[in-house]
Amino acid sequence: MTDLEKSCEMIVNIFHQYSVRVDDFDTLSFSEFNRLVKEQFPNWLGKIKDPDFSRKTFESTDKNKDKQISFREFVNLLVPLIEATHETENLPIHPSLTSPDEAPLQTNQNSE
């Protein structure tokens, strides 16, 4: 299994570690979501000063307003987090990490 495949599997497994606790085993209630955010994002959460952040995030993530976060809704929440991580950690690829016949990937900070 590749690193990316392992990462995808890990996201699914973490979601289910929290979703199985209350009601529907395949969705997150607010309490499950709140616990996941506090336990899985402590470094990011520590930078946020809004005490209602979890509630506001839950409500904006719950697109169908059923008071549950489906896996799809959860994944959609991760996209901006992954993009922010990319922006803060995006460093040029060192030439030693590419094979001699492979040019390093070029990043364009202005492209979407």
PDB file of N, CA and C in Angstrom:
ATOM      1  N   MET A   1       0.849  -1.172   0.000  1.00  0.00           N
ATOM      2  CA  MET A   1       0.000   0.000   0.000  1.00  0.00           C
ATOM      3  C   MET A   1       0.901   1.244   0.000  1.00  0.00           C
ATOM      4  N   THR A   2       0.549   2.213  -0.813  1.00  0.00           N
ATOM      5  CA  THR A   2       1.342   3.440  -0.898  1.00  0.00           C
ATOM      6  C   THR A   2       1.046   4.354   0.299  1.00  0.00           C
ATOM      7  N   ASP A   3       1.898   5.364   0.477  1.00  0.00           N
ATOM      8  CA  ASP A   3       1.677   6.319   1.562  1.00  0.00           C
ATOM      9  C   ASP A   3       0.330   7.035   1.415  1.00  0.00           C
ATOM     10  N   LEU A   4      -0.028   7.402   0.184  1.00  0.00           N
ATOM     11  CA  LEU A   4      -1.284   8.103  -0.032  1.00  0.00           C
ATOM     12  C   LEU A   4      -2.477   7.184   0.247  1.00  0.00           C
ATOM     13  N   GLU A   5      -2.359   5.936  -0.165  1.00  0.00           N
ATOM     14  CA  GLU A   5      -3.423   4.976   0.149  1.00  0.00           C
ATOM     15  C   GLU A   5      -3.556   4.791   1.656  1.00  0.00           C
ATOM     16  N   LYS A   6      -2.430   4.703   2.348  1.00  0.00           N
ATOM     17  CA  LYS A   6      -2.458   4.581   3.807  1.00  0.00           C
ATOM     18  C   LYS A   6      -3.088   5.812   4.443  1.00  0.00           C
ATOM     19  N   SER A   7      -2.777   6.979   3.908  1.00  0.00           N
ATOM     20  CA  SER A   7      -3.348   8.214   4.438  1.00  0.00           C
ATOM     21  C   SER A   7      -4.864   8.242   4.258  1.00  0.00           C
ATOM     22  N   CYS A   8      -5.332   7.817   3.098  1.00  0.00           N
ATOM     23  CA  CYS A   8      -6.785   7.758   2.859  1.00  0.00           C
ATOM     24  C   CYS A   8      -7.446   6.776   3.819  1.00  0.00           C
ATOM     25  N   GLU A   9      -6.836   5.627   3.986  1.00  0.00           N
ATOM     26  CA  GLU A   9      -7.372   4.634   4.908  1.00  0.00           C
ATOM     27  C   GLU A   9      -7.383   5.173   6.338  1.00  0.00           C
ATOM     28  N   MET A  10      -6.349   5.910   6.704  1.00  0.00           N
ATOM     29  CA  MET A  10      -6.278   6.472   8.044  1.00  0.00           C
ATOM     30  C   MET A  10      -7.397   7.484   8.280  1.00  0.00           C
ATOM     31  N   ILE A  11      -7.692   8.311   7.281  1.00  0.00           N
ATOM     32  CA  ILE A  11      -8.782   9.279   7.408  1.00  0.00           C
ATOM     33  C   ILE A  11     -10.103   8.554   7.650  1.00  0.00           C
ATOM     34  N   VAL A  12     -10.351   7.502   6.883  1.00  0.00           N
ATOM     35  CA  VAL A  12     -11.577   6.716   7.061  1.00  0.00           C
ATOM     36  C   VAL A  12     -11.617   6.112   8.460  1.00  0.00           C
ATOM     37  N   ASN A  13     -10.512   5.536   8.886  1.00  0.00           N
ATOM     38  CA  ASN A  13     -10.466   4.892  10.202  1.00  0.00           C
ATOM     39  C   ASN A  13     -10.670   5.898  11.335  1.00  0.00           C
ATOM     40  N   ILE A  14     -10.057   7.059  11.234  1.00  0.00           N
ATOM     41  CA  ILE A  14     -10.238   8.077  12.279  1.00  0.00           C
ATOM     42  C   ILE A  14     -11.686   8.542  12.317  1.00  0.00           C
ATOM     43  N   PHE A  15     -12.274   8.781  11.166  1.00  0.00           N
ATOM     44  CA  PHE A  15     -13.691   9.167  11.122  1.00  0.00           C
ATOM     45  C   PHE A  15     -14.537   8.141  11.874  1.00  0.00           C
ATOM     46  N   HIS A  16     -14.310   6.863  11.590  1.00  0.00           N
ATOM     47  CA  HIS A  16     -15.121   5.814  12.207  1.00  0.00           C
ATOM     48  C   HIS A  16     -14.805   5.592  13.690  1.00  0.00           C
ATOM     49  N   GLN A  17     -13.613   5.917  14.131  1.00  0.00           N
ATOM     50  CA  GLN A  17     -13.311   5.828  15.561  1.00  0.00           C
ATOM     51  C   GLN A  17     -14.238   6.737  16.357  1.00  0.00           C
ATOM     52  N   TYR A  18     -14.667   7.829  15.754  1.00  0.00           N
ATOM     53  CA  TYR A  18     -15.536   8.788  16.429  1.00  0.00           C
ATOM     54  C   TYR A  18     -17.008   8.584  16.070  1.00  0.00           C
ATOM     55  N   SER A  19     -17.298   8.184  14.842  1.00  0.00           N
ATOM     56  CA  SER A  19     -18.697   8.104  14.393  1.00  0.00           C
ATOM     57  C   SER A  19     -19.478   6.960  15.023  1.00  0.00           C
ATOM     58  N   VAL A  20     -18.799   5.961  15.536  1.00  0.00           N
ATOM     59  CA  VAL A  20     -19.503   4.793  16.081  1.00  0.00           C
ATOM     60  C   VAL A  20     -20.011   5.002  17.501  1.00  0.00           C
ATOM     61  N   ARG A  21     -19.750   6.126  18.096  1.00  0.00           N
ATOM     62  CA  ARG A  21     -20.049   6.329  19.518  1.00  0.00           C
ATOM     63  C   ARG A  21     -21.502   6.656  19.811  1.00  0.00           C
ATOM     64  N   VAL A  22     -22.177   7.412  18.938  1.00  0.00           N
ATOM     65  CA  VAL A  22     -23.548   7.857  19.198  1.00  0.00           C
ATOM     66  C   VAL A  22     -24.392   7.647  17.942  1.00  0.00           C
ATOM     67  N   ASP A  23     -25.570   7.085  18.111  1.00  0.00           N
ATOM     68  CA  ASP A  23     -26.550   6.928  17.031  1.00  0.00           C
ATOM     69  C   ASP A  23     -25.954   6.233  15.805  1.00  0.00           C
ATOM     70  N   ASP A  24     -26.135   6.862  14.647  1.00  0.00           N
ATOM     71  CA  ASP A  24     -25.707   6.284  13.369  1.00  0.00           C
ATOM     72  C   ASP A  24     -24.195   6.079  13.363  1.00  0.00           C
ATOM     73  N   PHE A  25     -23.763   4.861  13.079  1.00  0.00           N
ATOM     74  CA  PHE A  25     -22.330   4.544  13.116  1.00  0.00           C
ATOM     75  C   PHE A  25     -21.554   5.169  11.967  1.00  0.00           C
ATOM     76  N   ASP A  26     -22.254   5.732  10.970  1.00  0.00           N
ATOM     77  CA  ASP A  26     -21.561   6.259   9.800  1.00  0.00           C
ATOM     78  C   ASP A  26     -21.691   7.776   9.668  1.00  0.00           C
ATOM     79  N   THR A  27     -22.107   8.442  10.744  1.00  0.00           N
ATOM     80  CA  THR A  27     -22.143   9.903  10.765  1.00  0.00           C
ATOM     81  C   THR A  27     -21.619  10.387  12.113  1.00  0.00           C
ATOM     82  N   LEU A  28     -21.252  11.647  12.152  1.00  0.00           N
ATOM     83  CA  LEU A  28     -20.781  12.254  13.388  1.00  0.00           C
ATOM     84  C   LEU A  28     -21.871  13.157  13.966  1.00  0.00           C
ATOM     85  N   SER A  29     -22.240  12.909  15.193  1.00  0.00           N
ATOM     86  CA  SER A  29     -23.111  13.842  15.916  1.00  0.00           C
ATOM     87  C   SER A  29     -22.250  15.035  16.312  1.00  0.00           C
ATOM     88  N   PHE A  30     -22.865  16.074  16.872  1.00  0.00           N
ATOM     89  CA  PHE A  30     -22.054  17.215  17.302  1.00  0.00           C
ATOM     90  C   PHE A  30     -21.049  16.786  18.366  1.00  0.00           C
ATOM     91  N   SER A  31     -21.463  15.977  19.329  1.00  0.00           N
ATOM     92  CA  SER A  31     -20.529  15.585  20.392  1.00  0.00           C
ATOM     93  C   SER A  31     -19.365  14.767  19.832  1.00  0.00           C
ATOM     94  N   GLU A  32     -19.646  13.885  18.873  1.00  0.00           N
ATOM     95  CA  GLU A  32     -18.569  13.102  18.238  1.00  0.00           C
ATOM     96  C   GLU A  32     -17.637  14.016  17.446  1.00  0.00           C
ATOM     97  N   PHE A  33     -18.239  14.937  16.697  1.00  0.00           N
ATOM     98  CA  PHE A  33     -17.458  15.880  15.898  1.00  0.00           C
ATOM     99  C   PHE A  33     -16.575  16.749  16.796  1.00  0.00           C
ATOM    100  N   ASN A  34     -17.167  17.264  17.859  1.00  0.00           N
ATOM    101  CA  ASN A  34     -16.437  18.128  18.781  1.00  0.00           C
ATOM    102  C   ASN A  34     -15.258  17.389  19.393  1.00  0.00           C
ATOM    103  N   ARG A  35     -15.472  16.149  19.771  1.00  0.00           N
ATOM    104  CA  ARG A  35     -14.384  15.343  20.348  1.00  0.00           C
ATOM    105  C   ARG A  35     -13.292  15.077  19.310  1.00  0.00           C
ATOM    106  N   LEU A  36     -13.687  14.750  18.083  1.00  0.00           N
ATOM    107  CA  LEU A  36     -12.720  14.513  17.005  1.00  0.00           C
ATOM    108  C   LEU A  36     -11.873  15.759  16.782  1.00  0.00           C
ATOM    109  N   VAL A  37     -12.514  16.918  16.689  1.00  0.00           N
ATOM    110  CA  VAL A  37     -11.778  18.164  16.446  1.00  0.00           C
ATOM    111  C   VAL A  37     -10.793  18.434  17.577  1.00  0.00           C
ATOM    112  N   LYS A  38     -11.251  18.283  18.813  1.00  0.00           N
ATOM    113  CA  LYS A  38     -10.377  18.562  19.958  1.00  0.00           C
ATOM    114  C   LYS A  38      -9.203  17.594  20.035  1.00  0.00           C
ATOM    115  N   GLU A  39      -9.446  16.321  19.735  1.00  0.00           N
ATOM    116  CA  GLU A  39      -8.396  15.315  19.866  1.00  0.00           C
ATOM    117  C   GLU A  39      -7.491  15.205  18.634  1.00  0.00           C
ATOM    118  N   GLN A  40      -8.028  15.476  17.459  1.00  0.00           N
ATOM    119  CA  GLN A  40      -7.255  15.282  16.232  1.00  0.00           C
ATOM    120  C   GLN A  40      -6.646  16.571  15.672  1.00  0.00           C
ATOM    121  N   PHE A  41      -7.129  17.725  16.120  1.00  0.00           N
ATOM    122  CA  PHE A  41      -6.602  19.003  15.633  1.00  0.00           C
ATOM    123  C   PHE A  41      -6.200  19.927  16.782  1.00  0.00           C
ATOM    124  N   PRO A  42      -5.509  19.412  17.800  1.00  0.00           N
ATOM    125  CA  PRO A  42      -5.207  20.269  18.955  1.00  0.00           C
ATOM    126  C   PRO A  42      -4.287  21.445  18.611  1.00  0.00           C
ATOM    127  N   ASN A  43      -3.356  21.255  17.712  1.00  0.00           N
ATOM    128  CA  ASN A  43      -2.433  22.335  17.354  1.00  0.00           C
ATOM    129  C   ASN A  43      -3.145  23.450  16.594  1.00  0.00           C
ATOM    130  N   TRP A  44      -4.004  23.087  15.660  1.00  0.00           N
ATOM    131  CA  TRP A  44      -4.747  24.095  14.904  1.00  0.00           C
ATOM    132  C   TRP A  44      -5.792  24.758  15.791  1.00  0.00           C
ATOM    133  N   LEU A  45      -6.456  23.964  16.596  1.00  0.00           N
ATOM    134  CA  LEU A  45      -7.512  24.488  17.463  1.00  0.00           C
ATOM    135  C   LEU A  45      -6.947  25.466  18.484  1.00  0.00           C
ATOM    136  N   GLY A  46      -5.717  25.230  18.918  1.00  0.00           N
ATOM    137  CA  GLY A  46      -5.086  26.114  19.886  1.00  0.00           C
ATOM    138  C   GLY A  46      -4.869  27.525  19.367  1.00  0.00           C
ATOM    139  N   LYS A  47      -4.873  27.693  18.052  1.00  0.00           N
ATOM    140  CA  LYS A  47      -4.665  29.011  17.453  1.00  0.00           C
ATOM    141  C   LYS A  47      -5.973  29.771  17.264  1.00  0.00           C
ATOM    142  N   ILE A  48      -7.099  29.116  17.515  1.00  0.00           N
ATOM    143  CA  ILE A  48      -8.409  29.720  17.288  1.00  0.00           C
ATOM    144  C   ILE A  48      -8.954  30.237  18.607  1.00  0.00           C
ATOM    145  N   LYS A  49      -9.357  31.492  18.602  1.00  0.00           N
ATOM    146  CA  LYS A  49      -9.820  32.136  19.835  1.00  0.00           C
ATOM    147  C   LYS A  49     -11.336  32.084  20.016  1.00  0.00           C
ATOM    148  N   ASP A  50     -12.078  31.748  18.977  1.00  0.00           N
ATOM    149  CA  ASP A  50     -13.543  31.738  19.039  1.00  0.00           C
ATOM    150  C   ASP A  50     -14.035  30.513  19.813  1.00  0.00           C
ATOM    151  N   PRO A  51     -14.685  30.702  20.970  1.00  0.00           N
ATOM    152  CA  PRO A  51     -15.154  29.562  21.754  1.00  0.00           C
ATOM    153  C   PRO A  51     -16.274  28.770  21.061  1.00  0.00           C
ATOM    154  N   ASP A  52     -16.919  29.366  20.061  1.00  0.00           N
ATOM    155  CA  ASP A  52     -17.988  28.682  19.328  1.00  0.00           C
ATOM    156  C   ASP A  52     -17.504  28.077  18.017  1.00  0.00           C
ATOM    157  N   PHE A  53     -16.194  27.986  17.857  1.00  0.00           N
ATOM    158  CA  PHE A  53     -15.638  27.495  16.601  1.00  0.00           C
ATOM    159  C   PHE A  53     -16.178  26.118  16.221  1.00  0.00           C
ATOM    160  N   SER A  54     -16.180  25.174  17.160  1.00  0.00           N
ATOM    161  CA  SER A  54     -16.639  23.815  16.837  1.00  0.00           C
ATOM    162  C   SER A  54     -18.099  23.816  16.403  1.00  0.00           C
ATOM    163  N   ARG A  55     -18.930  24.535  17.124  1.00  0.00           N
ATOM    164  CA  ARG A  55     -20.357  24.584  16.782  1.00  0.00           C
ATOM    165  C   ARG A  55     -20.558  25.231  15.408  1.00  0.00           C
ATOM    166  N   LYS A  56     -19.899  26.351  15.167  1.00  0.00           N
ATOM    167  CA  LYS A  56     -20.039  27.037  13.877  1.00  0.00           C
ATOM    168  C   LYS A  56     -19.525  26.163  12.734  1.00  0.00           C
ATOM    169  N   THR A  57     -18.412  25.495  12.965  1.00  0.00           N
ATOM    170  CA  THR A  57     -17.841  24.627  11.930  1.00  0.00           C
ATOM    171  C   THR A  57     -18.777  23.457  11.665  1.00  0.00           C
ATOM    172  N   PHE A  58     -19.315  22.866  12.732  1.00  0.00           N
ATOM    173  CA  PHE A  58     -20.251  21.759  12.578  1.00  0.00           C
ATOM    174  C   PHE A  58     -21.449  22.204  11.742  1.00  0.00           C
ATOM    175  N   GLU A  59     -22.035  23.335  12.087  1.00  0.00           N
ATOM    176  CA  GLU A  59     -23.227  23.812  11.387  1.00  0.00           C
ATOM    177  C   GLU A  59     -22.945  24.138   9.927  1.00  0.00           C
ATOM    178  N   SER A  60     -21.790  24.719   9.641  1.00  0.00           N
ATOM    179  CA  SER A  60     -21.474  25.036   8.244  1.00  0.00           C
ATOM    180  C   SER A  60     -21.083  23.791   7.449  1.00  0.00           C
ATOM    181  N   THR A  61     -20.572  22.776   8.121  1.00  0.00           N
ATOM    182  CA  THR A  61     -20.189  21.530   7.446  1.00  0.00           C
ATOM    183  C   THR A  61     -21.407  20.648   7.170  1.00  0.00           C
ATOM    184  N   ASP A  62     -22.414  20.738   8.016  1.00  0.00           N
ATOM    185  CA  ASP A  62     -23.643  19.944   7.895  1.00  0.00           C
ATOM    186  C   ASP A  62     -24.516  20.536   6.786  1.00  0.00           C
ATOM    187  N   LYS A  63     -24.167  20.252   5.554  1.00  0.00           N
ATOM    188  CA  LYS A  63     -24.811  20.878   4.390  1.00  0.00           C
ATOM    189  C   LYS A  63     -26.297  20.548   4.275  1.00  0.00           C
ATOM    190  N   ASN A  64     -26.700  19.339   4.643  1.00  0.00           N
ATOM    191  CA  ASN A  64     -28.109  18.978   4.517  1.00  0.00           C
ATOM    192  C   ASN A  64     -28.903  19.265   5.792  1.00  0.00           C
ATOM    193  N   LYS A  65     -28.256  19.852   6.785  1.00  0.00           N
ATOM    194  CA  LYS A  65     -28.878  20.308   8.030  1.00  0.00           C
ATOM    195  C   LYS A  65     -29.620  19.207   8.780  1.00  0.00           C
ATOM    196  N   ASP A  66     -29.044  17.986   8.767  1.00  0.00           N
ATOM    197  CA  ASP A  66     -29.662  16.875   9.500  1.00  0.00           C
ATOM    198  C   ASP A  66     -29.047  16.676  10.882  1.00  0.00           C
ATOM    199  N   LYS A  67     -28.209  17.622  11.281  1.00  0.00           N
ATOM    200  CA  LYS A  67     -27.533  17.602  12.583  1.00  0.00           C
ATOM    201  C   LYS A  67     -26.579  16.409  12.736  1.00  0.00           C
ATOM    202  N   GLN A  68     -26.075  15.949  11.614  1.00  0.00           N
ATOM    203  CA  GLN A  68     -25.087  14.879  11.545  1.00  0.00           C
ATOM    204  C   GLN A  68     -24.095  15.247  10.443  1.00  0.00           C
ATOM    205  N   ILE A  69     -22.851  14.836  10.621  1.00  0.00           N
ATOM    206  CA  ILE A  69     -21.838  15.040   9.582  1.00  0.00           C
ATOM    207  C   ILE A  69     -21.580  13.692   8.916  1.00  0.00           C
ATOM    208  N   SER A  70     -21.928  13.600   7.647  1.00  0.00           N
ATOM    209  CA  SER A  70     -21.666  12.376   6.887  1.00  0.00           C
ATOM    210  C   SER A  70     -20.179  12.325   6.543  1.00  0.00           C
ATOM    211  N   PHE A  71     -19.748  11.179   6.065  1.00  0.00           N
ATOM    212  CA  PHE A  71     -18.341  11.077   5.679  1.00  0.00           C
ATOM    213  C   PHE A  71     -18.029  12.058   4.558  1.00  0.00           C
ATOM    214  N   ARG A  72     -18.919  12.200   3.595  1.00  0.00           N
ATOM    215  CA  ARG A  72     -18.699  13.141   2.485  1.00  0.00           C
ATOM    216  C   ARG A  72     -18.579  14.572   3.016  1.00  0.00           C
ATOM    217  N   GLU A  73     -19.445  14.947   3.939  1.00  0.00           N
ATOM    218  CA  GLU A  73     -19.357  16.291   4.523  1.00  0.00           C
ATOM    219  C   GLU A  73     -18.028  16.462   5.264  1.00  0.00           C
ATOM    220  N   PHE A  74     -17.601  15.426   5.957  1.00  0.00           N
ATOM    221  CA  PHE A  74     -16.335  15.463   6.677  1.00  0.00           C
ATOM    222  C   PHE A  74     -15.161  15.652   5.710  1.00  0.00           C
ATOM    223  N   VAL A  75     -15.169  14.907   4.621  1.00  0.00           N
ATOM    224  CA  VAL A  75     -14.097  15.020   3.627  1.00  0.00           C
ATOM    225  C   VAL A  75     -14.085  16.424   3.038  1.00  0.00           C
ATOM    226  N   ASN A  76     -15.261  16.984   2.780  1.00  0.00           N
ATOM    227  CA  ASN A  76     -15.317  18.348   2.255  1.00  0.00           C
ATOM    228  C   ASN A  76     -14.737  19.350   3.240  1.00  0.00           C
ATOM    229  N   LEU A  77     -14.863  19.088   4.530  1.00  0.00           N
ATOM    230  CA  LEU A  77     -14.254  19.931   5.548  1.00  0.00           C
ATOM    231  C   LEU A  77     -12.729  19.836   5.499  1.00  0.00           C
ATOM    232  N   LEU A  78     -12.216  18.654   5.175  1.00  0.00           N
ATOM    233  CA  LEU A  78     -10.762  18.449   5.152  1.00  0.00           C
ATOM    234  C   LEU A  78     -10.075  19.174   3.996  1.00  0.00           C
ATOM    235  N   VAL A  79     -10.786  19.399   2.909  1.00  0.00           N
ATOM    236  CA  VAL A  79     -10.164  20.002   1.723  1.00  0.00           C
ATOM    237  C   VAL A  79      -9.499  21.343   2.050  1.00  0.00           C
ATOM    238  N   PRO A  80     -10.189  22.316   2.660  1.00  0.00           N
ATOM    239  CA  PRO A  80      -9.488  23.568   2.958  1.00  0.00           C
ATOM    240  C   PRO A  80      -8.367  23.397   3.984  1.00  0.00           C
ATOM    241  N   LEU A  81      -8.500  22.420   4.884  1.00  0.00           N
ATOM    242  CA  LEU A  81      -7.436  22.168   5.853  1.00  0.00           C
ATOM    243  C   LEU A  81      -6.186  21.639   5.150  1.00  0.00           C
ATOM    244  N   ILE A  82      -6.397  20.752   4.190  1.00  0.00           N
ATOM    245  CA  ILE A  82      -5.274  20.206   3.420  1.00  0.00           C
ATOM    246  C   ILE A  82      -4.640  21.308   2.573  1.00  0.00           C
ATOM    247  N   GLU A  83      -5.485  22.164   1.970  1.00  0.00           N
ATOM    248  CA  GLU A  83      -4.957  23.270   1.170  1.00  0.00           C
ATOM    249  C   GLU A  83      -4.137  24.224   2.037  1.00  0.00           C
ATOM    250  N   ALA A  84      -4.619  24.524   3.240  1.00  0.00           N
ATOM    251  CA  ALA A  84      -3.874  25.413   4.138  1.00  0.00           C
ATOM    252  C   ALA A  84      -2.544  24.783   4.529  1.00  0.00           C
ATOM    253  N   THR A  85      -2.556  23.478   4.771  1.00  0.00           N
ATOM    254  CA  THR A  85      -1.314  22.780   5.091  1.00  0.00           C
ATOM    255  C   THR A  85      -0.350  22.862   3.921  1.00  0.00           C
ATOM    256  N   HIS A  86      -0.866  22.695   2.732  1.00  0.00           N
ATOM    257  CA  HIS A  86      -0.050  22.779   1.527  1.00  0.00           C
ATOM    258  C   HIS A  86       0.577  24.161   1.401  1.00  0.00           C
ATOM    259  N   GLU A  87      -0.199  25.192   1.647  1.00  0.00           N
ATOM    260  CA  GLU A  87       0.306  26.556   1.526  1.00  0.00           C
ATOM    261  C   GLU A  87       1.389  26.853   2.552  1.00  0.00           C
ATOM    262  N   THR A  88       1.236  26.353   3.769  1.00  0.00           N
ATOM    263  CA  THR A  88       2.214  26.669   4.811  1.00  0.00           C
ATOM    264  C   THR A  88       3.434  25.770   4.765  1.00  0.00           C
ATOM    265  N   GLU A  89       3.306  24.601   4.162  1.00  0.00           N
ATOM    266  CA  GLU A  89       4.422  23.660   4.135  1.00  0.00           C
ATOM    267  C   GLU A  89       4.964  23.409   2.740  1.00  0.00           C
ATOM    268  N   ASN A  90       4.484  24.140   1.749  1.00  0.00           N
ATOM    269  CA  ASN A  90       4.889  23.910   0.370  1.00  0.00           C
ATOM    270  C   ASN A  90       6.278  24.483   0.127  1.00  0.00           C
ATOM    271  N   LEU A  91       7.236  23.614   0.097  1.00  0.00           N
ATOM    272  CA  LEU A  91       8.615  24.002  -0.151  1.00  0.00           C
ATOM    273  C   LEU A  91       9.048  23.441  -1.502  1.00  0.00           C
ATOM    274  N   PRO A  92       9.984  24.091  -2.164  1.00  0.00           N
ATOM    275  CA  PRO A  92      10.472  23.532  -3.429  1.00  0.00           C
ATOM    276  C   PRO A  92      11.039  22.128  -3.214  1.00  0.00           C
ATOM    277  N   ILE A  93      10.860  21.283  -4.194  1.00  0.00           N
ATOM    278  CA  ILE A  93      11.375  19.918  -4.107  1.00  0.00           C
ATOM    279  C   ILE A  93      12.881  19.940  -4.312  1.00  0.00           C
ATOM    280  N   HIS A  94      13.593  19.360  -3.394  1.00  0.00           N
ATOM    281  CA  HIS A  94      15.044  19.305  -3.487  1.00  0.00           C
ATOM    282  C   HIS A  94      15.430  18.373  -4.629  1.00  0.00           C
ATOM    283  N   PRO A  95      16.408  18.761  -5.465  1.00  0.00           N
ATOM    284  CA  PRO A  95      16.809  17.931  -6.609  1.00  0.00           C
ATOM    285  C   PRO A  95      17.176  16.499  -6.242  1.00  0.00           C
ATOM    286  N   SER A  96      17.650  16.252  -5.041  1.00  0.00           N
ATOM    287  CA  SER A  96      18.044  14.903  -4.669  1.00  0.00           C
ATOM    288  C   SER A  96      16.835  13.977  -4.483  1.00  0.00           C
ATOM    289  N   LEU A  97      15.640  14.565  -4.426  1.00  0.00           N
ATOM    290  CA  LEU A  97      14.442  13.741  -4.242  1.00  0.00           C
ATOM    291  C   LEU A  97      13.832  13.300  -5.564  1.00  0.00           C
ATOM    292  N   THR A  98      14.432  13.690  -6.677  1.00  0.00           N
ATOM    293  CA  THR A  98      13.942  13.280  -7.985  1.00  0.00           C
ATOM    294  C   THR A  98      15.009  12.447  -8.672  1.00  0.00           C
ATOM    295  N   SER A  99      14.579  11.600  -9.577  1.00  0.00           N
ATOM    296  CA  SER A  99      15.543  10.808 -10.322  1.00  0.00           C
ATOM    297  C   SER A  99      16.210  11.713 -11.361  1.00  0.00           C
ATOM    298  N   PRO A 100      17.402  11.358 -11.830  1.00  0.00           N
ATOM    299  CA  PRO A 100      18.138  12.220 -12.764  1.00  0.00           C
ATOM    300  C   PRO A 100      17.362  12.527 -14.046  1.00  0.00           C
ATOM    301  N   ASP A 101      16.514  11.601 -14.498  1.00  0.00           N
ATOM    302  CA  ASP A 101      15.773  11.839 -15.733  1.00  0.00           C
ATOM    303  C   ASP A 101      14.414  12.480 -15.476  1.00  0.00           C
ATOM    304  N   GLU A 102      14.138  12.827 -14.256  1.00  0.00           N
ATOM    305  CA  GLU A 102      12.856  13.412 -13.911  1.00  0.00           C
ATOM    306  C   GLU A 102      13.066  14.844 -13.410  1.00  0.00           C
ATOM    307  N   ALA A 103      12.418  15.790 -14.048  1.00  0.00           N
ATOM    308  CA  ALA A 103      12.545  17.189 -13.619  1.00  0.00           C
ATOM    309  C   ALA A 103      11.720  17.399 -12.356  1.00  0.00           C
ATOM    310  N   PRO A 104      12.197  18.238 -11.432  1.00  0.00           N
ATOM    311  CA  PRO A 104      11.411  18.535 -10.236  1.00  0.00           C
ATOM    312  C   PRO A 104      10.084  19.183 -10.601  1.00  0.00           C
ATOM    313  N   LEU A 105       9.080  18.903  -9.807  1.00  0.00           N
ATOM    314  CA  LEU A 105       7.783  19.533 -10.022  1.00  0.00           C
ATOM    315  C   LEU A 105       7.905  21.022  -9.776  1.00  0.00           C
ATOM    316  N   GLN A 106       7.291  21.783 -10.616  1.00  0.00           N
ATOM    317  CA  GLN A 106       7.268  23.235 -10.446  1.00  0.00           C
ATOM    318  C   GLN A 106       5.927  23.615  -9.857  1.00  0.00           C
ATOM    319  N   THR A 107       5.950  24.460  -8.869  1.00  0.00           N
ATOM    320  CA  THR A 107       4.695  24.915  -8.277  1.00  0.00           C
ATOM    321  C   THR A 107       4.461  26.350  -8.688  1.00  0.00           C
ATOM    322  N   ASN A 108       3.207  26.658  -8.939  1.00  0.00           N
ATOM    323  CA  ASN A 108       2.812  28.012  -9.286  1.00  0.00           C
ATOM    324  C   ASN A 108       1.835  28.456  -8.215  1.00  0.00           C
ATOM    325  N   GLN A 109       2.254  29.329  -7.348  1.00  0.00           N
ATOM    326  CA  GLN A 109       1.433  29.764  -6.219  1.00  0.00           C
ATOM    327  C   GLN A 109       0.172  30.484  -6.671  1.00  0.00           C
ATOM    328  N   ASN A 110       0.121  30.963  -7.906  1.00  0.00           N
ATOM    329  CA  ASN A 110      -1.030  31.706  -8.379  1.00  0.00           C
ATOM    330  C   ASN A 110      -2.075  30.849  -9.042  1.00  0.00           C
ATOM    331  N   SER A 111      -1.770  29.587  -9.320  1.00  0.00           N
ATOM    332  CA  SER A 111      -2.726  28.723 -10.012  1.00  0.00           C
ATOM    333  C   SER A 111      -3.652  28.059  -9.019  1.00  0.00           C
ATOM    334  N   GLU A 112      -4.818  27.671  -9.495  1.00  0.00           N
ATOM    335  CA  GLU A 112      -5.817  27.012  -8.631  1.00  0.00           C
ATOM    336  C   GLU A 112      -5.746  25.527  -8.873  1.00  0.00           C
TER     337      GLU A 112
END
